[in-house]
Amino acid sequence: MHQATERLYHCFLLVLTLYSPKSHKLNFLRSQAERLAPELIEAWPRNTRQAQRAWELLRRAYVDARYSPHYKITGEELEWISDRIEVLGRQVQQACQARLQELASETSA
């Protein structure tokens, strides 16, 4: 799930800016993407402790899920995170398609 989220942010940044930083840090990638498209913020709400905890679990999963015996996540948290990744995926797809259409119309004009 961490890698899927990371790939979505990299895809978004590449399509919109032709650059994506060499980073696995979701906080950094998210901030870069949301700066360009604030509508991406709704993919990962920050208005509840549960939402903030889920983001933190996803962020830490890249290393801790494999190497830390203290990393714990519930089925409910996994489901919520999965739903949010789907929302992010749809938003990234829409934004990328819109940008590619803009570029296509610029080159055909």
N, C-alpha and C. Protein backbone atom coordinates (compact mmCIF):
# COMPACT_ATOMS: atom_id res chain seq x y z
N MET A 1 0.83 -1.19 0.00
CA MET A 1 0.00 0.00 0.00
C MET A 1 0.87 1.26 0.00
N HIS A 2 1.96 1.20 0.75
CA HIS A 2 2.89 2.33 0.75
C HIS A 2 3.42 2.55 -0.66
N GLN A 3 3.84 1.47 -1.31
CA GLN A 3 4.40 1.60 -2.64
C GLN A 3 3.37 2.05 -3.67
N ALA A 4 2.14 1.60 -3.53
CA ALA A 4 1.08 2.05 -4.45
C ALA A 4 0.86 3.55 -4.30
N THR A 5 0.82 4.02 -3.08
CA THR A 5 0.63 5.46 -2.82
C THR A 5 1.82 6.25 -3.36
N GLU A 6 3.01 5.74 -3.10
CA GLU A 6 4.22 6.39 -3.60
C GLU A 6 4.19 6.48 -5.13
N ARG A 7 3.82 5.41 -5.80
CA ARG A 7 3.78 5.40 -7.26
C ARG A 7 2.74 6.39 -7.81
N LEU A 8 1.61 6.48 -7.14
CA LEU A 8 0.59 7.44 -7.57
C LEU A 8 1.12 8.87 -7.50
N TYR A 9 1.77 9.20 -6.40
CA TYR A 9 2.32 10.55 -6.28
C TYR A 9 3.43 10.79 -7.31
N HIS A 10 4.29 9.81 -7.54
CA HIS A 10 5.34 9.96 -8.55
C HIS A 10 4.72 10.16 -9.94
N CYS A 11 3.71 9.38 -10.26
CA CYS A 11 3.03 9.51 -11.55
C CYS A 11 2.46 10.91 -11.72
N PHE A 12 1.76 11.37 -10.71
CA PHE A 12 1.16 12.71 -10.74
C PHE A 12 2.23 13.77 -10.98
N LEU A 13 3.31 13.71 -10.21
CA LEU A 13 4.36 14.72 -10.33
C LEU A 13 5.04 14.67 -11.69
N LEU A 14 5.28 13.48 -12.21
CA LEU A 14 5.91 13.35 -13.52
C LEU A 14 5.04 13.93 -14.63
N VAL A 15 3.75 13.61 -14.60
CA VAL A 15 2.87 14.09 -15.66
C VAL A 15 2.69 15.61 -15.59
N LEU A 16 2.55 16.12 -14.39
CA LEU A 16 2.30 17.56 -14.28
C LEU A 16 3.55 18.42 -14.38
N THR A 17 4.70 17.90 -13.96
CA THR A 17 5.90 18.74 -13.92
C THR A 17 7.08 18.18 -14.72
N LEU A 18 6.94 16.97 -15.21
CA LEU A 18 8.04 16.26 -15.89
C LEU A 18 9.21 16.00 -14.95
N TYR A 19 8.95 16.02 -13.65
CA TYR A 19 9.98 15.74 -12.65
C TYR A 19 9.32 15.08 -11.44
N SER A 20 10.02 14.10 -10.90
CA SER A 20 9.58 13.49 -9.65
C SER A 20 10.83 13.25 -8.81
N PRO A 21 10.84 13.73 -7.58
CA PRO A 21 12.04 13.58 -6.75
C PRO A 21 12.31 12.11 -6.42
N LYS A 22 13.54 11.79 -6.26
CA LYS A 22 13.95 10.44 -5.89
C LYS A 22 13.74 10.29 -4.38
N SER A 23 12.51 10.00 -4.01
CA SER A 23 12.18 9.91 -2.59
C SER A 23 11.11 8.85 -2.37
N HIS A 24 11.23 8.17 -1.25
CA HIS A 24 10.20 7.22 -0.82
C HIS A 24 9.36 7.82 0.29
N LYS A 25 9.65 9.05 0.67
CA LYS A 25 8.99 9.68 1.81
C LYS A 25 7.62 10.22 1.40
N LEU A 26 6.59 9.54 1.90
CA LEU A 26 5.23 9.91 1.51
C LEU A 26 4.86 11.33 1.94
N ASN A 27 5.31 11.76 3.09
CA ASN A 27 4.97 13.13 3.52
C ASN A 27 5.50 14.15 2.52
N PHE A 28 6.72 13.95 2.05
CA PHE A 28 7.31 14.87 1.09
C PHE A 28 6.58 14.81 -0.25
N LEU A 29 6.33 13.59 -0.75
CA LEU A 29 5.65 13.44 -2.04
C LEU A 29 4.25 14.02 -1.97
N ARG A 30 3.54 13.75 -0.87
CA ARG A 30 2.18 14.28 -0.71
C ARG A 30 2.19 15.80 -0.72
N SER A 31 3.12 16.41 0.01
CA SER A 31 3.15 17.87 0.06
C SER A 31 3.46 18.47 -1.31
N GLN A 32 4.36 17.85 -2.06
CA GLN A 32 4.68 18.34 -3.40
C GLN A 32 3.46 18.25 -4.32
N ALA A 33 2.75 17.13 -4.27
CA ALA A 33 1.58 16.94 -5.12
C ALA A 33 0.43 17.86 -4.71
N GLU A 34 0.17 17.98 -3.43
CA GLU A 34 -0.93 18.81 -2.95
C GLU A 34 -0.68 20.29 -3.19
N ARG A 35 0.58 20.68 -3.26
CA ARG A 35 0.91 22.07 -3.60
C ARG A 35 0.46 22.38 -5.02
N LEU A 36 0.58 21.40 -5.92
CA LEU A 36 0.18 21.59 -7.31
C LEU A 36 -1.33 21.41 -7.52
N ALA A 37 -1.92 20.54 -6.72
CA ALA A 37 -3.36 20.25 -6.86
C ALA A 37 -3.97 20.07 -5.47
N PRO A 38 -4.42 21.15 -4.87
CA PRO A 38 -4.98 21.07 -3.51
C PRO A 38 -6.16 20.09 -3.39
N GLU A 39 -6.83 19.79 -4.50
CA GLU A 39 -7.93 18.83 -4.43
C GLU A 39 -7.47 17.44 -4.00
N LEU A 40 -6.18 17.15 -4.11
CA LEU A 40 -5.67 15.85 -3.66
C LEU A 40 -5.73 15.71 -2.14
N ILE A 41 -5.86 16.82 -1.43
CA ILE A 41 -5.93 16.77 0.03
C ILE A 41 -7.08 15.90 0.50
N GLU A 42 -8.19 15.93 -0.23
CA GLU A 42 -9.34 15.14 0.22
C GLU A 42 -9.11 13.64 0.17
N ALA A 43 -8.08 13.18 -0.54
CA ALA A 43 -7.76 11.75 -0.54
C ALA A 43 -7.30 11.29 0.84
N TRP A 44 -6.60 12.16 1.55
CA TRP A 44 -6.09 11.83 2.88
C TRP A 44 -6.54 12.89 3.88
N PRO A 45 -7.76 12.80 4.36
CA PRO A 45 -8.25 13.80 5.32
C PRO A 45 -7.39 13.83 6.57
N ARG A 46 -7.32 14.98 7.16
CA ARG A 46 -6.53 15.16 8.38
C ARG A 46 -7.40 15.62 9.55
N ASN A 47 -8.70 15.50 9.39
CA ASN A 47 -9.63 16.10 10.36
C ASN A 47 -9.97 15.19 11.54
N THR A 48 -9.51 13.96 11.55
CA THR A 48 -9.77 13.08 12.69
C THR A 48 -8.49 12.38 13.12
N ARG A 49 -8.47 11.96 14.36
CA ARG A 49 -7.31 11.21 14.86
C ARG A 49 -7.17 9.90 14.11
N GLN A 50 -8.31 9.28 13.78
CA GLN A 50 -8.28 8.00 13.06
C GLN A 50 -7.63 8.18 11.69
N ALA A 51 -7.96 9.26 10.99
CA ALA A 51 -7.38 9.52 9.67
C ALA A 51 -5.88 9.81 9.79
N GLN A 52 -5.51 10.57 10.79
CA GLN A 52 -4.09 10.88 10.99
C GLN A 52 -3.31 9.63 11.36
N ARG A 53 -3.92 8.77 12.19
CA ARG A 53 -3.25 7.52 12.58
C ARG A 53 -3.07 6.61 11.37
N ALA A 54 -4.10 6.51 10.54
CA ALA A 54 -4.02 5.66 9.35
C ALA A 54 -2.91 6.13 8.42
N TRP A 55 -2.82 7.45 8.20
CA TRP A 55 -1.74 7.98 7.35
C TRP A 55 -0.37 7.63 7.95
N GLU A 56 -0.26 7.80 9.25
CA GLU A 56 1.01 7.50 9.92
C GLU A 56 1.36 6.02 9.79
N LEU A 57 0.37 5.15 9.91
CA LEU A 57 0.61 3.71 9.74
C LEU A 57 1.08 3.41 8.32
N LEU A 58 0.46 4.03 7.35
CA LEU A 58 0.86 3.84 5.96
C LEU A 58 2.29 4.36 5.75
N ARG A 59 2.56 5.53 6.27
CA ARG A 59 3.88 6.15 6.11
C ARG A 59 4.98 5.26 6.70
N ARG A 60 4.71 4.72 7.87
CA ARG A 60 5.69 3.88 8.57
C ARG A 60 5.80 2.47 7.99
N ALA A 61 4.81 2.05 7.23
CA ALA A 61 4.75 0.67 6.77
C ALA A 61 5.93 0.26 5.91
N TYR A 62 6.50 1.19 5.16
CA TYR A 62 7.59 0.86 4.23
C TYR A 62 8.71 0.10 4.92
N VAL A 63 9.05 0.50 6.15
CA VAL A 63 10.12 -0.16 6.90
C VAL A 63 9.56 -0.96 8.06
N ASP A 64 8.72 -0.31 8.87
CA ASP A 64 8.29 -0.93 10.12
C ASP A 64 7.48 -2.21 9.95
N ALA A 65 6.66 -2.27 8.92
CA ALA A 65 5.82 -3.46 8.74
C ALA A 65 6.69 -4.70 8.51
N ARG A 66 7.85 -4.48 7.94
CA ARG A 66 8.75 -5.61 7.68
C ARG A 66 9.70 -5.91 8.83
N TYR A 67 10.15 -4.88 9.52
CA TYR A 67 11.26 -5.06 10.46
C TYR A 67 10.92 -4.81 11.93
N SER A 68 9.79 -4.23 12.21
CA SER A 68 9.48 -3.92 13.61
C SER A 68 8.39 -4.86 14.14
N PRO A 69 8.69 -5.57 15.21
CA PRO A 69 7.66 -6.44 15.80
C PRO A 69 6.55 -5.63 16.49
N HIS A 70 6.76 -4.33 16.64
CA HIS A 70 5.80 -3.47 17.32
C HIS A 70 4.79 -2.85 16.37
N TYR A 71 5.00 -3.02 15.07
CA TYR A 71 4.08 -2.44 14.08
C TYR A 71 2.78 -3.24 14.10
N LYS A 72 1.68 -2.57 14.36
CA LYS A 72 0.36 -3.22 14.42
C LYS A 72 -0.62 -2.40 13.59
N ILE A 73 -1.46 -3.10 12.84
CA ILE A 73 -2.51 -2.44 12.06
C ILE A 73 -3.72 -3.38 12.04
N THR A 74 -4.89 -2.81 12.16
CA THR A 74 -6.11 -3.62 12.19
C THR A 74 -6.66 -3.80 10.78
N GLY A 75 -7.54 -4.77 10.64
CA GLY A 75 -8.22 -4.97 9.37
C GLY A 75 -9.02 -3.75 8.97
N GLU A 76 -9.65 -3.11 9.93
CA GLU A 76 -10.43 -1.89 9.68
C GLU A 76 -9.54 -0.76 9.16
N GLU A 77 -8.36 -0.62 9.75
CA GLU A 77 -7.41 0.40 9.29
C GLU A 77 -6.92 0.10 7.88
N LEU A 78 -6.64 -1.16 7.62
CA LEU A 78 -6.21 -1.55 6.27
C LEU A 78 -7.28 -1.24 5.23
N GLU A 79 -8.51 -1.52 5.58
CA GLU A 79 -9.63 -1.25 4.66
C GLU A 79 -9.77 0.25 4.41
N TRP A 80 -9.67 1.05 5.45
CA TRP A 80 -9.78 2.50 5.29
C TRP A 80 -8.66 3.03 4.42
N ILE A 81 -7.43 2.56 4.67
CA ILE A 81 -6.29 2.99 3.87
C ILE A 81 -6.48 2.58 2.42
N SER A 82 -6.94 1.37 2.20
CA SER A 82 -7.19 0.89 0.83
C SER A 82 -8.21 1.78 0.12
N ASP A 83 -9.27 2.15 0.81
CA ASP A 83 -10.28 3.04 0.23
C ASP A 83 -9.68 4.39 -0.14
N ARG A 84 -8.81 4.92 0.72
CA ARG A 84 -8.20 6.22 0.46
C ARG A 84 -7.23 6.14 -0.73
N ILE A 85 -6.54 5.02 -0.87
CA ILE A 85 -5.64 4.85 -2.02
C ILE A 85 -6.46 4.82 -3.31
N GLU A 86 -7.62 4.19 -3.27
CA GLU A 86 -8.49 4.19 -4.44
C GLU A 86 -8.95 5.60 -4.79
N VAL A 87 -9.30 6.39 -3.78
CA VAL A 87 -9.69 7.79 -4.02
C VAL A 87 -8.52 8.55 -4.64
N LEU A 88 -7.34 8.39 -4.07
CA LEU A 88 -6.16 9.06 -4.61
C LEU A 88 -5.91 8.61 -6.05
N GLY A 89 -6.06 7.33 -6.32
CA GLY A 89 -5.86 6.82 -7.68
C GLY A 89 -6.80 7.45 -8.69
N ARG A 90 -8.06 7.59 -8.32
CA ARG A 90 -9.02 8.24 -9.22
C ARG A 90 -8.66 9.70 -9.45
N GLN A 91 -8.28 10.39 -8.38
CA GLN A 91 -7.92 11.81 -8.51
C GLN A 91 -6.67 11.98 -9.38
N VAL A 92 -5.69 11.14 -9.17
CA VAL A 92 -4.46 11.21 -9.97
C VAL A 92 -4.78 10.92 -11.43
N GLN A 93 -5.60 9.91 -11.68
CA GLN A 93 -5.97 9.57 -13.05
C GLN A 93 -6.67 10.75 -13.73
N GLN A 94 -7.61 11.36 -13.05
CA GLN A 94 -8.33 12.51 -13.63
C GLN A 94 -7.38 13.67 -13.91
N ALA A 95 -6.52 13.98 -12.97
CA ALA A 95 -5.59 15.10 -13.13
C ALA A 95 -4.60 14.83 -14.27
N CYS A 96 -4.11 13.62 -14.35
CA CYS A 96 -3.15 13.27 -15.40
C CYS A 96 -3.81 13.27 -16.78
N GLN A 97 -5.02 12.73 -16.87
CA GLN A 97 -5.73 12.75 -18.15
C GLN A 97 -6.00 14.18 -18.61
N ALA A 98 -6.39 15.03 -17.68
CA ALA A 98 -6.65 16.43 -18.03
C ALA A 98 -5.37 17.10 -18.52
N ARG A 99 -4.26 16.85 -17.85
CA ARG A 99 -2.99 17.46 -18.26
C ARG A 99 -2.55 16.93 -19.62
N LEU A 100 -2.69 15.65 -19.85
CA LEU A 100 -2.30 15.07 -21.14
C LEU A 100 -3.19 15.60 -22.27
N GLN A 101 -4.45 15.82 -21.99
CA GLN A 101 -5.34 16.41 -23.01
C GLN A 101 -4.92 17.84 -23.31
N GLU A 102 -4.54 18.60 -22.28
CA GLU A 102 -4.04 19.97 -22.50
C GLU A 102 -2.82 19.94 -23.42
N LEU A 103 -1.89 19.05 -23.12
CA LEU A 103 -0.67 18.95 -23.92
C LEU A 103 -0.97 18.54 -25.34
N ALA A 104 -1.91 17.62 -25.52
CA ALA A 104 -2.29 17.17 -26.86
C ALA A 104 -2.91 18.29 -27.66
N SER A 105 -3.76 19.08 -27.02
CA SER A 105 -4.40 20.18 -27.74
C SER A 105 -3.40 21.30 -28.07
N GLU A 106 -2.40 21.48 -27.22
CA GLU A 106 -1.35 22.49 -27.48
C GLU A 106 -0.51 22.08 -28.68
N THR A 107 -0.21 20.80 -28.81
CA THR A 107 0.64 20.34 -29.91
C THR A 107 -0.13 20.25 -31.23
N SER A 108 -1.44 20.06 -31.15
CA SER A 108 -2.23 19.98 -32.39
C SER A 108 -2.64 21.35 -32.90
N ALA A 109 -2.50 22.35 -32.06
CA ALA A 109 -2.90 23.72 -32.48
C ALA A 109 -1.84 24.41 -33.29
